[in-house]
């Protein structure tokens, strides 16, 4: 489950509400498109080339949406991560369960 503790740090209540609403809609869409994880019956794998993942222009809230998607898989390979791992670290912070292999 993604870590949404940082949503409380957004200064505007309308911004917090918008992010939460978008996350709930994203969850509904993901529930329709991605099979449920089970301990014994599924292994959900993904590769993802996240466009401009390391961009300095990526807005902070986008990491919440990325974390929600990543959390649906058992194993995911994120492609084209640059030597500067700040973006990957930000994504991992929002997924308490993530184990990273470099």
PDB file of N, CA and C in Angstrom:
ATOM      1  N   UNK A   1       0.848  -1.177   0.000  1.00  0.00           N
ATOM      2  CA  UNK A   1       0.000   0.000   0.000  1.00  0.00           C
ATOM      3  C   UNK A   1       0.892   1.237   0.000  1.00  0.00           C
ATOM      4  N   UNK A   2       0.627   2.153  -0.873  1.00  0.00           N
ATOM      5  CA  UNK A   2       1.411   3.391  -0.905  1.00  0.00           C
ATOM      6  C   UNK A   2       1.272   4.206   0.377  1.00  0.00           C
ATOM      7  N   UNK A   3       2.276   4.984   0.617  1.00  0.00           N
ATOM      8  CA  UNK A   3       2.341   5.852   1.787  1.00  0.00           C
ATOM      9  C   UNK A   3       1.859   7.248   1.364  1.00  0.00           C
ATOM     10  N   UNK A   4       0.742   7.668   1.915  1.00  0.00           N
ATOM     11  CA  UNK A   4       0.188   8.971   1.541  1.00  0.00           C
ATOM     12  C   UNK A   4       0.334  10.006   2.652  1.00  0.00           C
ATOM     13  N   UNK A   5       1.235   9.784   3.585  1.00  0.00           N
ATOM     14  CA  UNK A   5       1.413  10.707   4.705  1.00  0.00           C
ATOM     15  C   UNK A   5       1.762  12.119   4.245  1.00  0.00           C
ATOM     16  N   UNK A   6       2.472  12.232   3.131  1.00  0.00           N
ATOM     17  CA  UNK A   6       2.924  13.555   2.686  1.00  0.00           C
ATOM     18  C   UNK A   6       1.798  14.413   2.097  1.00  0.00           C
ATOM     19  N   UNK A   7       0.640  13.828   1.831  1.00  0.00           N
ATOM     20  CA  UNK A   7      -0.476  14.634   1.313  1.00  0.00           C
ATOM     21  C   UNK A   7      -0.867  15.703   2.331  1.00  0.00           C
ATOM     22  N   UNK A   8      -0.737  15.399   3.598  1.00  0.00           N
ATOM     23  CA  UNK A   8      -1.085  16.386   4.629  1.00  0.00           C
ATOM     24  C   UNK A   8      -0.184  17.622   4.580  1.00  0.00           C
ATOM     25  N   UNK A   9       0.975  17.510   3.938  1.00  0.00           N
ATOM     26  CA  UNK A   9       1.918  18.629   3.854  1.00  0.00           C
ATOM     27  C   UNK A   9       1.585  19.640   2.759  1.00  0.00           C
ATOM     28  N   UNK A  10       0.640  19.316   1.889  1.00  0.00           N
ATOM     29  CA  UNK A  10       0.245  20.280   0.858  1.00  0.00           C
ATOM     30  C   UNK A  10      -0.477  21.443   1.538  1.00  0.00           C
ATOM     31  N   UNK A  11      -0.153  22.675   1.152  1.00  0.00           N
ATOM     32  CA  UNK A  11      -0.680  23.833   1.883  1.00  0.00           C
ATOM     33  C   UNK A  11      -2.178  24.085   1.708  1.00  0.00           C
ATOM     34  N   UNK A  12      -2.730  23.773   0.556  1.00  0.00           N
ATOM     35  CA  UNK A  12      -4.130  24.099   0.274  1.00  0.00           C
ATOM     36  C   UNK A  12      -5.036  22.881   0.452  1.00  0.00           C
ATOM     37  N   UNK A  13      -6.132  23.073   1.154  1.00  0.00           N
ATOM     38  CA  UNK A  13      -7.098  21.983   1.352  1.00  0.00           C
ATOM     39  C   UNK A  13      -7.680  21.513   0.016  1.00  0.00           C
ATOM     40  N   UNK A  14      -7.918  22.443  -0.908  1.00  0.00           N
ATOM     41  CA  UNK A  14      -8.468  22.058  -2.208  1.00  0.00           C
ATOM     42  C   UNK A  14      -7.486  21.168  -2.973  1.00  0.00           C
ATOM     43  N   UNK A  15      -6.198  21.436  -2.821  1.00  0.00           N
ATOM     44  CA  UNK A  15      -5.179  20.616  -3.480  1.00  0.00           C
ATOM     45  C   UNK A  15      -5.163  19.207  -2.884  1.00  0.00           C
ATOM     46  N   UNK A  16      -5.228  19.117  -1.565  1.00  0.00           N
ATOM     47  CA  UNK A  16      -5.275  17.808  -0.893  1.00  0.00           C
ATOM     48  C   UNK A  16      -6.491  17.013  -1.361  1.00  0.00           C
ATOM     49  N   UNK A  17      -7.626  17.684  -1.394  1.00  0.00           N
ATOM     50  CA  UNK A  17      -8.873  17.029  -1.798  1.00  0.00           C
ATOM     51  C   UNK A  17      -8.787  16.553  -3.245  1.00  0.00           C
ATOM     52  N   UNK A  18      -8.244  17.386  -4.121  1.00  0.00           N
ATOM     53  CA  UNK A  18      -8.109  17.011  -5.537  1.00  0.00           C
ATOM     54  C   UNK A  18      -7.211  15.778  -5.691  1.00  0.00           C
ATOM     55  N   UNK A  19      -6.092  15.750  -4.976  1.00  0.00           N
ATOM     56  CA  UNK A  19      -5.168  14.613  -5.056  1.00  0.00           C
ATOM     57  C   UNK A  19      -5.854  13.343  -4.560  1.00  0.00           C
ATOM     58  N   UNK A  20      -6.537  13.433  -3.446  1.00  0.00           N
ATOM     59  CA  UNK A  20      -7.241  12.258  -2.895  1.00  0.00           C
ATOM     60  C   UNK A  20      -8.310  11.772  -3.863  1.00  0.00           C
ATOM     61  N   UNK A  21      -9.076  12.696  -4.431  1.00  0.00           N
ATOM     62  CA  UNK A  21     -10.115  12.312  -5.397  1.00  0.00           C
ATOM     63  C   UNK A  21      -9.503  11.620  -6.619  1.00  0.00           C
ATOM     64  N   UNK A  22      -8.394  12.167  -7.125  1.00  0.00           N
ATOM     65  CA  UNK A  22      -7.737  11.556  -8.284  1.00  0.00           C
ATOM     66  C   UNK A  22      -7.182  10.174  -7.945  1.00  0.00           C
ATOM     67  N   UNK A  23      -6.645  10.023  -6.741  1.00  0.00           N
ATOM     68  CA  UNK A  23      -6.136   8.713  -6.327  1.00  0.00           C
ATOM     69  C   UNK A  23      -7.260   7.678  -6.240  1.00  0.00           C
ATOM     70  N   UNK A  24      -8.400   8.087  -5.732  1.00  0.00           N
ATOM     71  CA  UNK A  24      -9.535   7.166  -5.646  1.00  0.00           C
ATOM     72  C   UNK A  24     -10.014   6.751  -7.035  1.00  0.00           C
ATOM     73  N   UNK A  25     -10.056   7.697  -7.974  1.00  0.00           N
ATOM     74  CA  UNK A  25     -10.433   7.369  -9.354  1.00  0.00           C
ATOM     75  C   UNK A  25      -9.403   6.443  -9.998  1.00  0.00           C
ATOM     76  N   UNK A  26      -8.132   6.726  -9.754  1.00  0.00           N
ATOM     77  CA  UNK A  26      -7.073   5.869 -10.290  1.00  0.00           C
ATOM     78  C   UNK A  26      -7.205   4.454  -9.741  1.00  0.00           C
ATOM     79  N   UNK A  27      -7.476   4.321  -8.450  1.00  0.00           N
ATOM     80  CA  UNK A  27      -7.663   2.991  -7.857  1.00  0.00           C
ATOM     81  C   UNK A  27      -8.811   2.235  -8.525  1.00  0.00           C
ATOM     82  N   UNK A  28      -9.907   2.933  -8.782  1.00  0.00           N
ATOM     83  CA  UNK A  28     -11.043   2.286  -9.443  1.00  0.00           C
ATOM     84  C   UNK A  28     -10.647   1.779 -10.823  1.00  0.00           C
ATOM     85  N   UNK A  29      -9.939   2.597 -11.583  1.00  0.00           N
ATOM     86  CA  UNK A  29      -9.497   2.195 -12.917  1.00  0.00           C
ATOM     87  C   UNK A  29      -8.514   1.027 -12.850  1.00  0.00           C
ATOM     88  N   UNK A  30      -7.589   1.084 -11.904  1.00  0.00           N
ATOM     89  CA  UNK A  30      -6.622  -0.011 -11.766  1.00  0.00           C
ATOM     90  C   UNK A  30      -7.306  -1.303 -11.356  1.00  0.00           C
ATOM     91  N   UNK A  31      -8.314  -1.214 -10.505  1.00  0.00           N
ATOM     92  CA  UNK A  31      -9.072  -2.408 -10.107  1.00  0.00           C
ATOM     93  C   UNK A  31      -9.705  -3.090 -11.315  1.00  0.00           C
ATOM     94  N   UNK A  32     -10.123  -2.291 -12.297  1.00  0.00           N
ATOM     95  CA  UNK A  32     -10.735  -2.851 -13.507  1.00  0.00           C
ATOM     96  C   UNK A  32      -9.701  -3.471 -14.441  1.00  0.00           C
ATOM     97  N   UNK A  33      -8.501  -2.909 -14.482  1.00  0.00           N
ATOM     98  CA  UNK A  33      -7.503  -3.283 -15.490  1.00  0.00           C
ATOM     99  C   UNK A  33      -6.442  -4.283 -15.028  1.00  0.00           C
ATOM    100  N   UNK A  34      -6.140  -4.302 -13.757  1.00  0.00           N
ATOM    101  CA  UNK A  34      -5.044  -5.144 -13.264  1.00  0.00           C
ATOM    102  C   UNK A  34      -5.615  -6.202 -12.332  1.00  0.00           C
ATOM    103  N   UNK A  35      -5.260  -7.468 -12.552  1.00  0.00           N
ATOM    104  CA  UNK A  35      -5.781  -8.525 -11.671  1.00  0.00           C
ATOM    105  C   UNK A  35      -5.355  -8.294 -10.222  1.00  0.00           C
ATOM    106  N   UNK A  36      -6.129  -8.821  -9.303  1.00  0.00           N
ATOM    107  CA  UNK A  36      -5.798  -8.737  -7.886  1.00  0.00           C
ATOM    108  C   UNK A  36      -4.580  -9.604  -7.584  1.00  0.00           C
ATOM    109  N   UNK A  37      -3.746  -9.122  -6.683  1.00  0.00           N
ATOM    110  CA  UNK A  37      -2.610  -9.924  -6.228  1.00  0.00           C
ATOM    111  C   UNK A  37      -3.110 -10.988  -5.261  1.00  0.00           C
ATOM    112  N   UNK A  38      -2.549 -12.166  -5.367  1.00  0.00           N
ATOM    113  CA  UNK A  38      -2.800 -13.218  -4.392  1.00  0.00           C
ATOM    114  C   UNK A  38      -1.455 -13.819  -4.004  1.00  0.00           C
ATOM    115  N   UNK A  39      -1.407 -14.427  -2.839  1.00  0.00           N
ATOM    116  CA  UNK A  39      -0.142 -15.010  -2.385  1.00  0.00           C
ATOM    117  C   UNK A  39       0.271 -16.224  -3.197  1.00  0.00           C
ATOM    118  N   UNK A  40      -0.691 -17.023  -3.618  1.00  0.00           N
ATOM    119  CA  UNK A  40      -0.350 -18.293  -4.250  1.00  0.00           C
ATOM    120  C   UNK A  40      -0.688 -18.387  -5.738  1.00  0.00           C
ATOM    121  N   UNK A  41      -1.582 -17.561  -6.224  1.00  0.00           N
ATOM    122  CA  UNK A  41      -2.089 -17.763  -7.575  1.00  0.00           C
ATOM    123  C   UNK A  41      -1.595 -16.783  -8.621  1.00  0.00           C
ATOM    124  N   UNK A  42      -0.989 -15.672  -8.212  1.00  0.00           N
ATOM    125  CA  UNK A  42      -0.562 -14.685  -9.198  1.00  0.00           C
ATOM    126  C   UNK A  42       0.872 -14.237  -8.951  1.00  0.00           C
ATOM    127  N   UNK A  43       1.500 -13.817 -10.010  1.00  0.00           N
ATOM    128  CA  UNK A  43       2.769 -13.107  -9.956  1.00  0.00           C
ATOM    129  C   UNK A  43       2.638 -12.004 -10.994  1.00  0.00           C
ATOM    130  N   UNK A  44       2.458 -10.798 -10.537  1.00  0.00           N
ATOM    131  CA  UNK A  44       2.222  -9.676 -11.441  1.00  0.00           C
ATOM    132  C   UNK A  44       3.535  -8.959 -11.718  1.00  0.00           C
ATOM    133  N   UNK A  45       3.957  -9.021 -12.985  1.00  0.00           N
ATOM    134  CA  UNK A  45       5.215  -8.431 -13.426  1.00  0.00           C
ATOM    135  C   UNK A  45       4.937  -7.252 -14.349  1.00  0.00           C
ATOM    136  N   UNK A  46       5.825  -6.264 -14.303  1.00  0.00           N
ATOM    137  CA  UNK A  46       5.669  -5.120 -15.196  1.00  0.00           C
ATOM    138  C   UNK A  46       7.033  -4.525 -15.502  1.00  0.00           C
ATOM    139  N   UNK A  47       7.125  -3.942 -16.684  1.00  0.00           N
ATOM    140  CA  UNK A  47       8.244  -3.065 -17.002  1.00  0.00           C
ATOM    141  C   UNK A  47       7.627  -1.733 -17.374  1.00  0.00           C
ATOM    142  N   UNK A  48       8.315  -0.681 -17.030  1.00  0.00           N
ATOM    143  CA  UNK A  48       7.730   0.629 -17.254  1.00  0.00           C
ATOM    144  C   UNK A  48       8.838   1.616 -17.571  1.00  0.00           C
ATOM    145  N   UNK A  49       8.742   2.206 -18.733  1.00  0.00           N
ATOM    146  CA  UNK A  49       9.633   3.290 -19.108  1.00  0.00           C
ATOM    147  C   UNK A  49       8.866   4.574 -18.799  1.00  0.00           C
ATOM    148  N   UNK A  50       9.080   5.113 -17.622  1.00  0.00           N
ATOM    149  CA  UNK A  50       8.340   6.291 -17.180  1.00  0.00           C
ATOM    150  C   UNK A  50       8.933   7.518 -17.866  1.00  0.00           C
ATOM    151  N   UNK A  51       8.140   8.131 -18.710  1.00  0.00           N
ATOM    152  CA  UNK A  51       8.607   9.289 -19.484  1.00  0.00           C
ATOM    153  C   UNK A  51       9.107  10.385 -18.547  1.00  0.00           C
ATOM    154  N   UNK A  52      10.331  10.812 -18.820  1.00  0.00           N
ATOM    155  CA  UNK A  52      10.957  11.893 -18.063  1.00  0.00           C
ATOM    156  C   UNK A  52      10.875  11.661 -16.551  1.00  0.00           C
ATOM    157  N   UNK A  53      11.131  10.414 -16.159  1.00  0.00           N
ATOM    158  CA  UNK A  53      11.043  10.034 -14.744  1.00  0.00           C
ATOM    159  C   UNK A  53      11.912  10.931 -13.868  1.00  0.00           C
ATOM    160  N   UNK A  54      13.114  11.225 -14.320  1.00  0.00           N
ATOM    161  CA  UNK A  54      14.051  12.013 -13.524  1.00  0.00           C
ATOM    162  C   UNK A  54      13.968  13.514 -13.790  1.00  0.00           C
ATOM    163  N   UNK A  55      12.942  13.942 -14.466  1.00  0.00           N
ATOM    164  CA  UNK A  55      12.820  15.354 -14.824  1.00  0.00           C
ATOM    165  C   UNK A  55      12.705  16.237 -13.585  1.00  0.00           C
ATOM    166  N   UNK A  56      13.401  17.338 -13.617  1.00  0.00           N
ATOM    167  CA  UNK A  56      13.305  18.331 -12.534  1.00  0.00           C
ATOM    168  C   UNK A  56      11.923  18.993 -12.549  1.00  0.00           C
ATOM    169  N   UNK A  57      11.200  18.874 -13.661  1.00  0.00           N
ATOM    170  CA  UNK A  57       9.888  19.504 -13.795  1.00  0.00           C
ATOM    171  C   UNK A  57       8.738  18.633 -13.302  1.00  0.00           C
ATOM    172  N   UNK A  58       9.035  17.398 -12.889  1.00  0.00           N
ATOM    173  CA  UNK A  58       7.967  16.505 -12.428  1.00  0.00           C
ATOM    174  C   UNK A  58       7.365  17.066 -11.140  1.00  0.00           C
ATOM    175  N   UNK A  59       6.057  17.225 -11.131  1.00  0.00           N
ATOM    176  CA  UNK A  59       5.417  17.778  -9.938  1.00  0.00           C
ATOM    177  C   UNK A  59       5.357  16.719  -8.838  1.00  0.00           C
ATOM    178  N   UNK A  60       5.419  17.177  -7.625  1.00  0.00           N
ATOM    179  CA  UNK A  60       5.490  16.294  -6.471  1.00  0.00           C
ATOM    180  C   UNK A  60       4.301  15.330  -6.403  1.00  0.00           C
ATOM    181  N   UNK A  61       3.115  15.812  -6.705  1.00  0.00           N
ATOM    182  CA  UNK A  61       1.938  14.946  -6.573  1.00  0.00           C
ATOM    183  C   UNK A  61       1.965  13.763  -7.525  1.00  0.00           C
ATOM    184  N   UNK A  62       2.703  13.867  -8.642  1.00  0.00           N
ATOM    185  CA  UNK A  62       2.744  12.757  -9.597  1.00  0.00           C
ATOM    186  C   UNK A  62       3.338  11.491  -8.975  1.00  0.00           C
ATOM    187  N   UNK A  63       4.186  11.647  -7.966  1.00  0.00           N
ATOM    188  CA  UNK A  63       4.769  10.477  -7.305  1.00  0.00           C
ATOM    189  C   UNK A  63       3.715   9.660  -6.561  1.00  0.00           C
ATOM    190  N   UNK A  64       2.653  10.310  -6.113  1.00  0.00           N
ATOM    191  CA  UNK A  64       1.560   9.568  -5.469  1.00  0.00           C
ATOM    192  C   UNK A  64       0.876   8.650  -6.487  1.00  0.00           C
ATOM    193  N   UNK A  65       0.653   9.159  -7.691  1.00  0.00           N
ATOM    194  CA  UNK A  65      -0.008   8.363  -8.721  1.00  0.00           C
ATOM    195  C   UNK A  65       0.909   7.238  -9.208  1.00  0.00           C
ATOM    196  N   UNK A  66       2.174   7.552  -9.382  1.00  0.00           N
ATOM    197  CA  UNK A  66       3.140   6.514  -9.772  1.00  0.00           C
ATOM    198  C   UNK A  66       3.195   5.419  -8.712  1.00  0.00           C
ATOM    199  N   UNK A  67       3.220   5.805  -7.446  1.00  0.00           N
ATOM    200  CA  UNK A  67       3.279   4.831  -6.353  1.00  0.00           C
ATOM    201  C   UNK A  67       2.041   3.940  -6.339  1.00  0.00           C
ATOM    202  N   UNK A  68       0.896   4.521  -6.620  1.00  0.00           N
ATOM    203  CA  UNK A  68      -0.344   3.728  -6.643  1.00  0.00           C
ATOM    204  C   UNK A  68      -0.267   2.656  -7.728  1.00  0.00           C
ATOM    205  N   UNK A  69       0.249   3.014  -8.874  1.00  0.00           N
ATOM    206  CA  UNK A  69       0.368   2.041  -9.972  1.00  0.00           C
ATOM    207  C   UNK A  69       1.412   0.986  -9.643  1.00  0.00           C
ATOM    208  N   UNK A  70       2.581   1.409  -9.204  1.00  0.00           N
ATOM    209  CA  UNK A  70       3.667   0.477  -8.888  1.00  0.00           C
ATOM    210  C   UNK A  70       3.242  -0.519  -7.811  1.00  0.00           C
ATOM    211  N   UNK A  71       2.442  -0.072  -6.860  1.00  0.00           N
ATOM    212  CA  UNK A  71       2.035  -0.947  -5.752  1.00  0.00           C
ATOM    213  C   UNK A  71       1.166  -2.115  -6.200  1.00  0.00           C
ATOM    214  N   UNK A  72       0.637  -2.068  -7.404  1.00  0.00           N
ATOM    215  CA  UNK A  72      -0.225  -3.142  -7.894  1.00  0.00           C
ATOM    216  C   UNK A  72       0.550  -4.363  -8.375  1.00  0.00           C
ATOM    217  N   UNK A  73       1.860  -4.258  -8.477  1.00  0.00           N
ATOM    218  CA  UNK A  73       2.666  -5.335  -9.051  1.00  0.00           C
ATOM    219  C   UNK A  73       3.578  -5.963  -8.002  1.00  0.00           C
ATOM    220  N   UNK A  74       3.898  -7.236  -8.237  1.00  0.00           N
ATOM    221  CA  UNK A  74       4.830  -7.933  -7.365  1.00  0.00           C
ATOM    222  C   UNK A  74       6.271  -7.574  -7.709  1.00  0.00           C
ATOM    223  N   UNK A  75       6.541  -7.397  -8.982  1.00  0.00           N
ATOM    224  CA  UNK A  75       7.888  -7.085  -9.447  1.00  0.00           C
ATOM    225  C   UNK A  75       7.765  -6.113 -10.615  1.00  0.00           C
ATOM    226  N   UNK A  76       8.512  -5.023 -10.543  1.00  0.00           N
ATOM    227  CA  UNK A  76       8.443  -4.042 -11.620  1.00  0.00           C
ATOM    228  C   UNK A  76       9.846  -3.547 -11.932  1.00  0.00           C
ATOM    229  N   UNK A  77      10.149  -3.438 -13.220  1.00  0.00           N
ATOM    230  CA  UNK A  77      11.417  -2.880 -13.683  1.00  0.00           C
ATOM    231  C   UNK A  77      11.122  -1.498 -14.243  1.00  0.00           C
ATOM    232  N   UNK A  78      11.732  -0.498 -13.649  1.00  0.00           N
ATOM    233  CA  UNK A  78      11.576   0.866 -14.146  1.00  0.00           C
ATOM    234  C   UNK A  78      12.793   1.172 -14.991  1.00  0.00           C
ATOM    235  N   UNK A  79      12.549   1.489 -16.251  1.00  0.00           N
ATOM    236  CA  UNK A  79      13.625   1.675 -17.216  1.00  0.00           C
ATOM    237  C   UNK A  79      14.068   3.127 -17.304  1.00  0.00           C
ATOM    238  N   UNK A  80      15.305   3.281 -17.737  1.00  0.00           N
ATOM    239  CA  UNK A  80      15.910   4.583 -18.000  1.00  0.00           C
ATOM    240  C   UNK A  80      15.965   5.480 -16.772  1.00  0.00           C
ATOM    241  N   UNK A  81      16.293   4.884 -15.634  1.00  0.00           N
ATOM    242  CA  UNK A  81      16.537   5.669 -14.428  1.00  0.00           C
ATOM    243  C   UNK A  81      17.965   6.183 -14.531  1.00  0.00           C
ATOM    244  N   UNK A  82      18.160   7.464 -14.323  1.00  0.00           N
ATOM    245  CA  UNK A  82      19.490   8.054 -14.469  1.00  0.00           C
ATOM    246  C   UNK A  82      20.341   7.763 -13.230  1.00  0.00           C
ATOM    247  N   UNK A  83      21.634   8.050 -13.304  1.00  0.00           N
ATOM    248  CA  UNK A  83      22.495   7.857 -12.135  1.00  0.00           C
ATOM    249  C   UNK A  83      22.042   8.669 -10.914  1.00  0.00           C
ATOM    250  N   UNK A  84      21.351   9.768 -11.150  1.00  0.00           N
ATOM    251  CA  UNK A  84      20.779  10.536 -10.046  1.00  0.00           C
ATOM    252  C   UNK A  84      19.500   9.832  -9.610  1.00  0.00           C
ATOM    253  N   UNK A  85      19.519   9.209  -8.452  1.00  0.00           N
ATOM    254  CA  UNK A  85      18.411   8.350  -8.015  1.00  0.00           C
ATOM    255  C   UNK A  85      17.349   9.084  -7.194  1.00  0.00           C
ATOM    256  N   UNK A  86      17.361  10.406  -7.202  1.00  0.00           N
ATOM    257  CA  UNK A  86      16.396  11.155  -6.388  1.00  0.00           C
ATOM    258  C   UNK A  86      14.938  10.825  -6.734  1.00  0.00           C
ATOM    259  N   UNK A  87      14.632  10.738  -8.012  1.00  0.00           N
ATOM    260  CA  UNK A  87      13.250  10.431  -8.411  1.00  0.00           C
ATOM    261  C   UNK A  87      12.852   9.031  -7.945  1.00  0.00           C
ATOM    262  N   UNK A  88      13.748   8.071  -8.090  1.00  0.00           N
ATOM    263  CA  UNK A  88      13.461   6.708  -7.638  1.00  0.00           C
ATOM    264  C   UNK A  88      13.301   6.677  -6.118  1.00  0.00           C
ATOM    265  N   UNK A  89      14.133   7.404  -5.412  1.00  0.00           N
ATOM    266  CA  UNK A  89      14.013   7.467  -3.955  1.00  0.00           C
ATOM    267  C   UNK A  89      12.677   8.092  -3.537  1.00  0.00           C
ATOM    268  N   UNK A  90      12.243   9.123  -4.248  1.00  0.00           N
ATOM    269  CA  UNK A  90      10.945   9.753  -3.939  1.00  0.00           C
ATOM    270  C   UNK A  90       9.803   8.768  -4.159  1.00  0.00           C
ATOM    271  N   UNK A  91       9.893   7.991  -5.226  1.00  0.00           N
ATOM    272  CA  UNK A  91       8.862   6.982  -5.486  1.00  0.00           C
ATOM    273  C   UNK A  91       8.893   5.902  -4.413  1.00  0.00           C
ATOM    274  N   UNK A  92      10.078   5.451  -4.052  1.00  0.00           N
ATOM    275  CA  UNK A  92      10.198   4.413  -3.031  1.00  0.00           C
ATOM    276  C   UNK A  92       9.665   4.890  -1.681  1.00  0.00           C
ATOM    277  N   UNK A  93       9.880   6.156  -1.347  1.00  0.00           N
ATOM    278  CA  UNK A  93       9.389   6.697  -0.086  1.00  0.00           C
ATOM    279  C   UNK A  93       7.870   6.568   0.005  1.00  0.00           C
ATOM    280  N   UNK A  94       7.208   6.630  -1.134  1.00  0.00           N
ATOM    281  CA  UNK A  94       5.750   6.536  -1.151  1.00  0.00           C
ATOM    282  C   UNK A  94       5.256   5.096  -1.218  1.00  0.00           C
ATOM    283  N   UNK A  95       6.172   4.152  -1.259  1.00  0.00           N
ATOM    284  CA  UNK A  95       5.835   2.733  -1.209  1.00  0.00           C
ATOM    285  C   UNK A  95       6.644   2.110  -0.079  1.00  0.00           C
ATOM    286  N   UNK A  96       6.055   1.987   1.086  1.00  0.00           N
ATOM    287  CA  UNK A  96       6.754   1.480   2.258  1.00  0.00           C
ATOM    288  C   UNK A  96       7.333   0.088   2.046  1.00  0.00           C
ATOM    289  N   UNK A  97       6.733  -0.689   1.177  1.00  0.00           N
ATOM    290  CA  UNK A  97       7.108  -2.092   1.017  1.00  0.00           C
ATOM    291  C   UNK A  97       8.187  -2.318  -0.021  1.00  0.00           C
ATOM    292  N   UNK A  98       8.599  -1.303  -0.753  1.00  0.00           N
ATOM    293  CA  UNK A  98       9.489  -1.465  -1.895  1.00  0.00           C
ATOM    294  C   UNK A  98      10.867  -1.956  -1.474  1.00  0.00           C
ATOM    295  N   UNK A  99      11.368  -2.936  -2.179  1.00  0.00           N
ATOM    296  CA  UNK A  99      12.739  -3.399  -2.050  1.00  0.00           C
ATOM    297  C   UNK A  99      13.424  -3.061  -3.364  1.00  0.00           C
ATOM    298  N   UNK A 100      14.529  -2.355  -3.315  1.00  0.00           N
ATOM    299  CA  UNK A 100      15.191  -1.916  -4.544  1.00  0.00           C
ATOM    300  C   UNK A 100      16.457  -2.725  -4.785  1.00  0.00           C
ATOM    301  N   UNK A 101      16.646  -3.090  -6.042  1.00  0.00           N
ATOM    302  CA  UNK A 101      17.870  -3.746  -6.473  1.00  0.00           C
ATOM    303  C   UNK A 101      18.467  -2.897  -7.587  1.00  0.00           C
ATOM    304  N   UNK A 102      19.703  -2.509  -7.411  1.00  0.00           N
ATOM    305  CA  UNK A 102      20.391  -1.714  -8.444  1.00  0.00           C
ATOM    306  C   UNK A 102      21.310  -2.605  -9.241  1.00  0.00           C
TER     307      UNK A 102
END
